[in-house]
Protein backbone atom coordinates (compact mmCIF):
# COMPACT_ATOMS: atom_id res chain seq x y z
CA MET A 1 28.29 70.20 -30.41
CA LYS A 2 24.73 68.84 -30.45
CA ILE A 3 22.03 67.94 -27.97
CA ALA A 4 19.80 64.91 -28.53
CA SER A 5 16.60 63.43 -27.12
CA VAL A 6 15.20 59.94 -27.67
CA VAL A 7 11.67 58.55 -28.04
CA LYS A 8 12.53 55.00 -26.94
CA ASP A 9 14.86 53.57 -24.33
CA PHE A 10 17.76 51.67 -25.89
CA ASP A 11 21.31 50.52 -25.22
CA ILE A 12 24.53 51.28 -27.06
CA ASN A 13 26.86 48.30 -26.61
CA TYR A 14 30.55 47.73 -27.26
CA ARG A 15 32.62 44.74 -26.09
CA GLY A 16 30.77 44.18 -22.83
CA ARG A 17 30.12 47.81 -21.93
CA THR A 18 26.73 49.53 -22.23
CA LYS A 19 25.54 53.12 -22.48
CA LYS A 20 21.84 53.42 -21.65
CA MET A 21 19.82 56.02 -23.54
CA GLN A 22 16.58 56.90 -21.76
CA VAL A 23 13.40 58.77 -22.61
CA GLY A 24 13.12 62.07 -20.76
CA HIS A 25 16.86 62.73 -20.73
CA LYS A 26 18.83 65.10 -22.94
CA TYR A 27 22.27 64.12 -24.16
CA VAL A 28 25.22 66.22 -25.30
CA LEU A 29 27.47 64.86 -28.03
CA SER A 30 29.91 65.94 -30.72
CA ASP A 31 28.77 66.56 -34.29
CA PRO A 32 30.32 63.31 -35.67
CA ASN A 33 28.81 61.30 -32.81
CA ALA A 34 25.43 62.89 -33.47
CA GLN A 35 25.61 61.78 -37.09
CA ASP A 36 26.54 58.24 -36.04
CA LEU A 37 23.72 58.11 -33.49
CA LYS A 38 21.15 59.22 -36.05
CA ALA A 39 22.41 56.72 -38.62
CA SER A 40 22.48 53.81 -36.16
CA PHE A 41 19.18 54.46 -34.35
CA PRO A 42 17.00 56.53 -36.73
CA ASP A 43 13.68 55.35 -35.25
CA LYS A 44 14.71 56.09 -31.67
CA ILE A 45 15.81 59.73 -31.99
CA GLU A 46 13.33 62.46 -31.13
CA TYR A 47 15.56 65.34 -32.18
CA ILE A 48 19.16 66.47 -32.57
CA ARG A 49 19.71 70.20 -32.15
CA PRO A 50 22.65 72.60 -31.71
CA PHE A 51 24.01 72.67 -28.17
CA ASP A 52 23.54 75.96 -26.33
CA ILE A 53 27.15 76.97 -25.79
CA SER A 54 26.14 79.25 -22.90
CA SER A 55 25.71 76.05 -20.86
CA TYR A 56 29.43 75.35 -21.26
CA LYS A 57 31.35 76.57 -18.19
CA LYS A 58 34.93 76.29 -19.46
CA TYR A 59 37.66 75.72 -16.93
CA ASN A 60 40.44 78.31 -17.15
CA GLY A 61 42.76 77.50 -14.29
CA GLU A 62 40.42 78.39 -11.43
CA THR A 63 40.83 76.97 -7.91
CA LEU A 64 39.03 73.63 -7.63
CA ASP A 65 38.79 73.18 -3.86
CA ASN A 66 35.42 71.50 -3.20
CA LYS A 67 34.45 72.02 -6.85
CA SER A 68 33.59 69.60 -9.64
CA ILE A 69 34.85 69.40 -13.20
CA VAL A 70 33.96 67.34 -16.27
CA PHE A 71 36.75 66.30 -18.65
CA TRP A 72 35.48 65.42 -22.13
CA ARG A 73 37.20 63.67 -25.03
CA THR A 74 35.68 60.95 -27.22
CA GLY A 75 39.05 59.25 -27.95
CA GLY A 76 41.40 57.79 -29.04
CA PHE A 77 43.51 55.90 -26.56
CA GLY A 78 46.59 58.08 -26.96
CA ASP A 79 44.64 61.33 -26.72
CA LEU A 80 43.06 60.21 -23.45
CA LEU A 81 46.51 59.42 -22.11
CA PHE A 82 47.67 62.96 -22.92
CA ILE A 83 44.76 64.29 -20.86
CA SER A 84 45.44 61.89 -17.99
CA SER A 85 48.44 64.02 -17.04
CA ALA A 86 46.15 66.99 -16.31
CA VAL A 87 43.70 64.80 -14.40
CA LYS A 88 46.46 63.63 -12.07
CA TYR A 89 47.87 67.15 -11.69
CA LEU A 90 44.53 68.68 -10.67
CA LYS A 91 43.57 65.85 -8.31
CA LEU A 92 46.87 66.08 -6.48
CA LYS A 93 46.65 69.86 -6.28
CA TYR A 94 42.97 69.91 -5.27
CA PRO A 95 42.22 66.63 -3.42
CA THR A 96 38.68 67.76 -2.58
CA CYS A 97 37.69 68.38 -6.19
CA LYS A 98 35.46 65.88 -7.97
CA ILE A 99 36.77 64.84 -11.37
CA ILE A 100 34.35 63.34 -13.88
CA PHE A 101 35.67 62.00 -17.17
CA ALA A 102 33.36 61.54 -20.16
CA THR A 103 34.52 59.41 -23.06
CA SER A 104 33.24 56.79 -25.49
CA LEU A 105 32.54 53.11 -24.99
CA VAL A 106 35.34 52.28 -27.42
CA PHE A 107 38.15 54.00 -25.51
CA VAL A 108 37.08 54.02 -21.85
CA ASP A 109 39.27 51.04 -20.86
CA VAL A 110 42.44 53.13 -20.96
CA ILE A 111 41.18 55.30 -18.05
CA ALA A 112 38.76 52.84 -16.42
CA ASP A 113 41.08 52.10 -13.47
CA ASN A 114 42.57 55.60 -13.10
CA ILE A 115 42.63 56.37 -9.38
CA TYR A 116 42.47 60.14 -9.95
CA ILE A 117 39.07 59.97 -11.66
CA ASP A 118 36.07 60.00 -9.34
CA ASP A 119 33.34 59.19 -11.88
CA LEU A 120 33.37 57.85 -15.43
CA GLU A 121 30.61 58.87 -17.82
CA LEU A 122 30.02 57.27 -21.19
CA LEU A 123 29.16 59.42 -24.18
CA PRO A 124 26.65 60.69 -25.20
CA LEU A 125 26.76 62.65 -21.94
CA ASP A 126 23.59 63.27 -19.97
CA LEU A 127 22.99 67.05 -19.94
CA GLU A 128 22.22 66.83 -16.24
CA VAL A 129 25.85 65.93 -15.51
CA LEU A 130 27.02 69.17 -17.11
CA GLN A 131 24.38 71.18 -15.32
CA LYS A 132 25.43 69.84 -11.92
CA THR A 133 29.18 70.42 -12.27
CA ASP A 134 31.05 73.65 -11.67
CA PHE A 135 33.44 73.51 -14.63
CA HIS A 136 33.78 71.77 -17.99
CA ILE A 137 36.79 71.20 -20.19
CA MET A 138 36.34 69.69 -23.65
CA PHE A 139 39.31 68.48 -25.68
CA GLU A 140 37.52 67.56 -28.92
CA GLY A 141 39.68 68.64 -31.86
CA LEU A 142 42.44 70.09 -29.65
CA ILE A 143 45.20 67.73 -30.78
CA GLU A 144 44.05 67.89 -34.40
CA GLN A 145 43.83 71.69 -34.65
CA GLY A 146 45.88 73.45 -37.32
CA LYS A 147 49.10 75.33 -36.61
CA PRO A 148 49.26 74.80 -32.82
CA GLY A 149 48.87 71.04 -33.26
CA LYS A 150 51.88 71.04 -35.60
CA MET A 151 54.10 73.21 -33.41
CA PHE A 152 53.47 72.26 -29.79
CA ASN A 153 53.81 69.07 -27.79
CA ALA A 154 50.49 67.40 -26.98
CA TYR A 155 50.92 67.94 -23.23
CA ASP A 156 51.60 71.64 -23.72
CA LEU A 157 48.39 71.83 -25.76
CA VAL A 158 46.41 70.13 -22.98
CA PHE A 159 47.72 72.29 -20.15
CA GLY A 160 47.57 75.42 -22.28
CA HIS A 161 43.93 74.75 -23.11
CA MET A 162 43.21 74.65 -19.38
CA LYS A 163 45.22 77.84 -18.72
CA LEU A 164 47.61 75.94 -16.46
CA PRO A 165 51.21 77.22 -16.80
CA ILE A 166 53.20 74.08 -15.96
CA GLU A 167 56.97 74.57 -15.75
CA ASP A 168 57.80 71.17 -14.26
CA ASN A 169 58.12 68.97 -17.32
CA SER A 170 58.08 65.79 -15.23
CA ILE A 171 54.32 66.33 -14.88
CA LYS A 172 53.90 66.08 -18.65
CA LYS A 173 53.54 62.34 -18.99
CA PRO A 174 50.56 59.98 -19.06
CA HIS A 175 49.19 58.17 -16.04
CA VAL A 176 47.57 54.73 -16.00
CA ASP A 177 46.48 52.33 -13.31
CA LEU A 178 46.18 48.63 -14.03
CA SER A 179 43.41 46.20 -13.27
CA LYS A 180 44.73 43.62 -10.80
CA ASP A 181 42.50 41.01 -12.43
CA ARG A 182 44.00 41.72 -15.86
CA VAL A 183 47.54 41.57 -14.46
CA ARG A 184 46.75 38.10 -13.10
CA ASP A 185 45.26 37.14 -16.47
CA VAL A 186 48.47 38.18 -18.23
CA GLU A 187 50.61 36.27 -15.75
CA GLU A 188 48.53 33.15 -16.41
CA TRP A 189 48.86 33.71 -20.18
CA PHE A 190 52.63 34.04 -19.90
CA LYS A 191 52.73 30.88 -17.81
CA ASP A 192 50.78 29.00 -20.48
CA LEU A 193 53.18 30.31 -23.14
CA GLY A 194 56.23 29.39 -21.11
CA VAL A 195 57.37 33.02 -20.91
CA THR A 196 59.75 33.67 -18.01
CA ASP A 197 61.74 36.58 -16.59
CA LYS A 198 64.76 35.33 -18.54
CA ASP A 199 63.01 36.14 -21.81
CA ILE A 200 63.41 39.57 -23.42
CA LYS A 201 59.87 40.68 -24.10
CA ILE A 202 59.31 43.31 -26.80
CA ALA A 203 55.90 44.79 -27.64
CA ILE A 204 55.41 46.09 -31.18
CA GLN A 205 52.40 48.07 -32.36
CA LEU A 206 51.96 47.25 -36.02
CA LYS A 207 49.45 49.89 -37.08
CA SER A 208 47.95 53.20 -36.03
CA SER A 209 44.41 54.42 -36.63
CA SER A 210 45.62 56.51 -39.58
CA PRO A 211 47.22 55.03 -42.74
CA VAL A 212 49.53 58.02 -43.12
CA ARG A 213 51.29 57.11 -39.83
CA ASN A 214 51.81 53.41 -40.55
CA TYR A 215 55.30 51.99 -40.98
CA PRO A 216 55.25 49.75 -44.08
CA LEU A 217 54.36 46.23 -43.07
CA ASP A 218 57.17 44.61 -45.08
CA LYS A 219 59.67 46.81 -43.25
CA MET A 220 58.04 45.92 -39.94
CA GLU A 221 58.31 42.22 -40.79
CA LYS A 222 62.01 42.65 -41.56
CA LEU A 223 62.48 44.49 -38.26
CA VAL A 224 60.86 41.59 -36.39
CA ASN A 225 63.26 39.14 -38.05
CA ILE A 226 66.22 41.35 -37.13
CA LEU A 227 65.10 41.38 -33.52
CA LEU A 228 64.55 37.62 -33.36
CA ASN A 229 68.05 37.07 -34.74
CA LEU A 230 69.58 39.54 -32.27
CA ASP A 231 69.05 37.28 -29.26
CA LYS A 232 67.36 33.90 -28.95
CA ARG A 233 65.71 35.05 -25.71
CA ILE A 234 63.69 37.73 -27.51
CA LYS A 235 59.95 37.20 -27.79
CA ILE A 236 57.70 39.58 -29.70
CA PHE A 237 54.18 40.60 -28.64
CA TYR A 238 52.12 42.38 -31.27
CA LEU A 239 49.55 45.06 -30.56
CA SER A 240 46.67 45.19 -32.99
CA GLY A 241 43.01 46.14 -32.87
CA PRO A 242 39.69 44.35 -33.30
CA THR A 243 39.55 45.33 -36.99
CA ASP A 244 43.12 44.21 -37.77
CA LYS A 245 42.56 40.50 -38.19
CA GLU A 246 44.14 40.56 -41.64
CA LEU A 247 47.46 41.27 -39.97
CA GLU A 248 47.54 37.77 -38.55
CA LYS A 249 47.47 36.36 -42.07
CA LEU A 250 50.41 38.54 -43.09
CA LEU A 251 52.33 38.15 -39.83
CA PRO A 252 51.15 34.86 -38.32
CA GLU A 253 51.99 33.81 -34.80
CA THR A 254 55.04 31.65 -34.19
CA GLU A 255 56.63 30.15 -31.11
CA ARG A 256 58.33 33.50 -30.45
CA THR A 257 55.70 35.95 -31.75
CA LYS A 258 52.22 36.35 -30.26
CA TYR A 259 49.29 38.76 -30.59
CA ILE A 260 48.10 40.37 -27.37
CA PHE A 261 44.60 41.23 -28.56
CA ARG A 262 41.92 38.56 -28.79
CA GLU A 263 38.12 38.71 -28.84
CA ASN A 264 37.96 37.64 -25.20
CA ARG A 265 40.50 40.27 -24.07
CA ASP A 266 39.85 43.95 -23.51
CA PHE A 267 42.27 46.87 -23.67
CA ARG A 268 42.88 46.58 -19.94
CA PHE A 269 44.49 43.22 -20.71
CA THR A 270 46.68 44.93 -23.31
CA MET A 271 47.76 47.52 -20.75
CA ALA A 272 48.66 44.82 -18.25
CA ALA A 273 50.61 42.92 -20.90
CA VAL A 274 52.60 46.02 -21.87
CA SER A 275 53.53 46.53 -18.21
CA LYS A 276 55.46 43.23 -18.38
CA MET A 277 57.57 44.23 -21.41
CA ASP A 278 61.27 45.06 -21.49
CA LEU A 279 60.96 47.29 -24.56
CA ALA A 280 58.26 48.70 -26.80
CA ILE A 281 58.53 49.68 -30.45
CA SER A 282 55.62 51.51 -31.99
CA VAL A 283 54.30 53.57 -34.83
CA ASP A 284 52.88 56.96 -33.84
CA SER A 285 50.09 55.57 -31.68
CA VAL A 286 48.97 54.50 -28.20
CA LEU A 287 51.82 52.11 -27.36
CA VAL A 288 54.29 55.01 -27.30
CA HIS A 289 52.32 56.71 -24.53
CA LEU A 290 51.27 53.56 -22.71
CA ALA A 291 54.92 52.53 -22.45
CA ALA A 292 55.84 55.99 -21.15
CA ALA A 293 53.14 55.75 -18.48
CA LEU A 294 54.43 52.34 -17.40
CA ALA A 295 58.14 53.34 -17.49
CA ILE A 296 58.88 50.88 -20.31
CA PRO A 297 61.71 51.93 -22.68
CA ILE A 298 60.15 52.95 -25.99
CA ILE A 299 61.18 53.53 -29.59
CA GLY A 300 58.66 55.54 -31.60
CA ILE A 301 58.76 55.31 -35.40
CA TYR A 302 57.61 58.69 -36.71
CA GLY A 303 57.18 60.14 -40.18
CA PRO A 304 54.38 62.63 -40.86
CA PHE A 305 54.64 63.98 -37.30
CA PRO A 306 57.88 64.97 -35.55
CA SER A 307 58.45 62.78 -32.51
CA LYS A 308 59.16 65.81 -30.30
CA ILE A 309 55.51 66.91 -30.30
CA ARG A 310 54.61 63.58 -28.73
CA MET A 311 57.68 62.15 -26.95
CA VAL A 312 59.96 64.99 -25.87
CA TYR A 313 59.07 64.72 -22.15
CA TYR A 314 59.40 60.93 -21.94
CA LYS A 315 62.28 59.09 -20.26
CA ASN A 316 64.17 56.19 -21.90
CA ALA A 317 62.40 57.10 -25.11
CA VAL A 318 63.79 57.46 -28.63
CA GLY A 319 61.95 58.96 -31.57
CA ILE A 320 62.98 57.89 -35.07
CA ASP A 321 62.44 60.78 -37.50
CA PRO A 322 63.22 60.62 -41.22
CA ARG A 323 64.56 63.71 -42.95
CA THR A 324 62.35 64.76 -45.84
CA ASN A 325 61.72 67.76 -48.04
CA CYS A 326 57.95 67.44 -47.64
CA GLY A 327 57.69 66.92 -43.92
CA PRO A 328 56.79 66.83 -41.22
CA CYS A 329 53.35 67.34 -42.76
CA CYS A 330 51.39 66.61 -39.54
CA THR A 331 48.56 65.05 -41.52
CA HIS A 332 45.60 63.73 -39.52
CA GLY A 333 42.70 61.65 -40.70
CA SER A 334 41.97 58.38 -42.44
CA TYR A 335 43.57 59.13 -45.80
CA PRO A 336 47.03 58.05 -46.97
CA CYS A 337 49.90 60.39 -47.73
CA GLU A 338 49.43 62.57 -50.84
CA ARG A 339 52.79 61.31 -52.08
CA CYS A 340 52.23 57.68 -51.11
CA ASN A 341 53.46 54.79 -53.22
CA SER A 342 51.19 52.29 -54.95
CA ASN A 343 50.71 50.45 -51.64
CA GLY A 344 49.45 53.60 -49.91
CA GLU A 345 52.61 53.88 -47.80
CA SER A 346 53.99 57.25 -46.71
CA LEU A 347 57.26 57.72 -48.56
CA CYS A 348 59.03 59.24 -45.55
CA PHE A 349 59.08 55.85 -43.83
CA HIS A 350 61.18 54.42 -46.65
CA LEU A 351 63.99 56.76 -45.58
CA ILE A 352 64.22 54.83 -42.29
CA ASP A 353 66.60 51.88 -42.30
CA ASN A 354 65.97 49.17 -39.72
CA GLU A 355 69.64 48.18 -39.36
CA ARG A 356 71.01 51.71 -39.37
CA ASP A 357 68.34 53.65 -37.44
CA ILE A 358 66.36 51.29 -35.21
CA LEU A 359 68.61 48.36 -34.27
CA PRO A 360 71.27 50.51 -32.52
CA GLU A 361 68.55 52.10 -30.36
CA VAL A 362 67.18 48.66 -29.49
CA LYS A 363 70.63 47.55 -28.36
CA LEU A 364 71.14 50.76 -26.37
CA LEU A 365 67.83 50.63 -24.49
CA LEU A 366 68.13 46.90 -23.74
CA SER A 367 71.70 47.34 -22.52
CA LEU A 368 70.71 50.25 -20.27
CA SER A 369 68.11 48.01 -18.61
CA GLY A 370 70.63 45.17 -18.28
CA LYS A 371 68.76 42.80 -20.58
CA ILE A 372 71.68 42.31 -23.02
């Protein structure tokens, strides 16, 4: 961790949100974020120094009546959803506690409307916020850590890190609250598209943030065609990110397939759209956990990671896991599989057959909900 000071006031902006950096304040931030800050604003930084760890008052399961606590995790969306389970648990157990959540501009939308969070802080975090709170709990690197991250479910890691022995597994699921404005926006969008309650709406997340976890796009395209041929009422809604515009060239929109994300839509719109779905199918990424939070049946396509360390506590949820000699490898990061093919695709995904492994689960989940 690092602490930074600035010599000029300036703003950090992302998609309509702003973090103000002010002279006279000290800011706490992770090592990678410190490097990014220095690279992006070299003439505005006074210094970046190691953070005095003695200022960190780690929460270890103490009583929180009339106390305050800062939760800290930069991102991503799925990781914040893992932590949301602990936020809800503590707020319900200690209604008088003040919960502050610090995260980045990029990922804040996923918790922006969470009713169990009292204050949102954007990173870099003002040191004064830490100084004024009773407890701190940082989750940077927790999910990515070595052996524990490969062996234990993400929710067990979160609660274990906080020294909270939770035996009720129903608590181990994400929590989200939706923006009423975004729900109305989605309803208007569906109206414009002619989407009705008679349609079978399926959300599909095409990519994750890590190449090693991505289901091959040609196999995903074939899966989409299988679904469209299964029932003429099926309509597909793709999840993609602001940097995934090339996907639209490879999988263009049709009358029955649409992309949820657009430049004029934030992630809160995506969340509201997912809440209207009848089924979600996703690579190992945020849609799996967003669907679980919204009680949407979900099929997770896993490879490098075993689905049980992400999905085991979810209801109406199926994890597709290939059997390999080299996995699960639990590889994090932005690099492809060491044994990838010439297209950079993880070979384990080629052991999954859409017709054999995924289609029967689609039929099962849709039949359980009465859609087919």
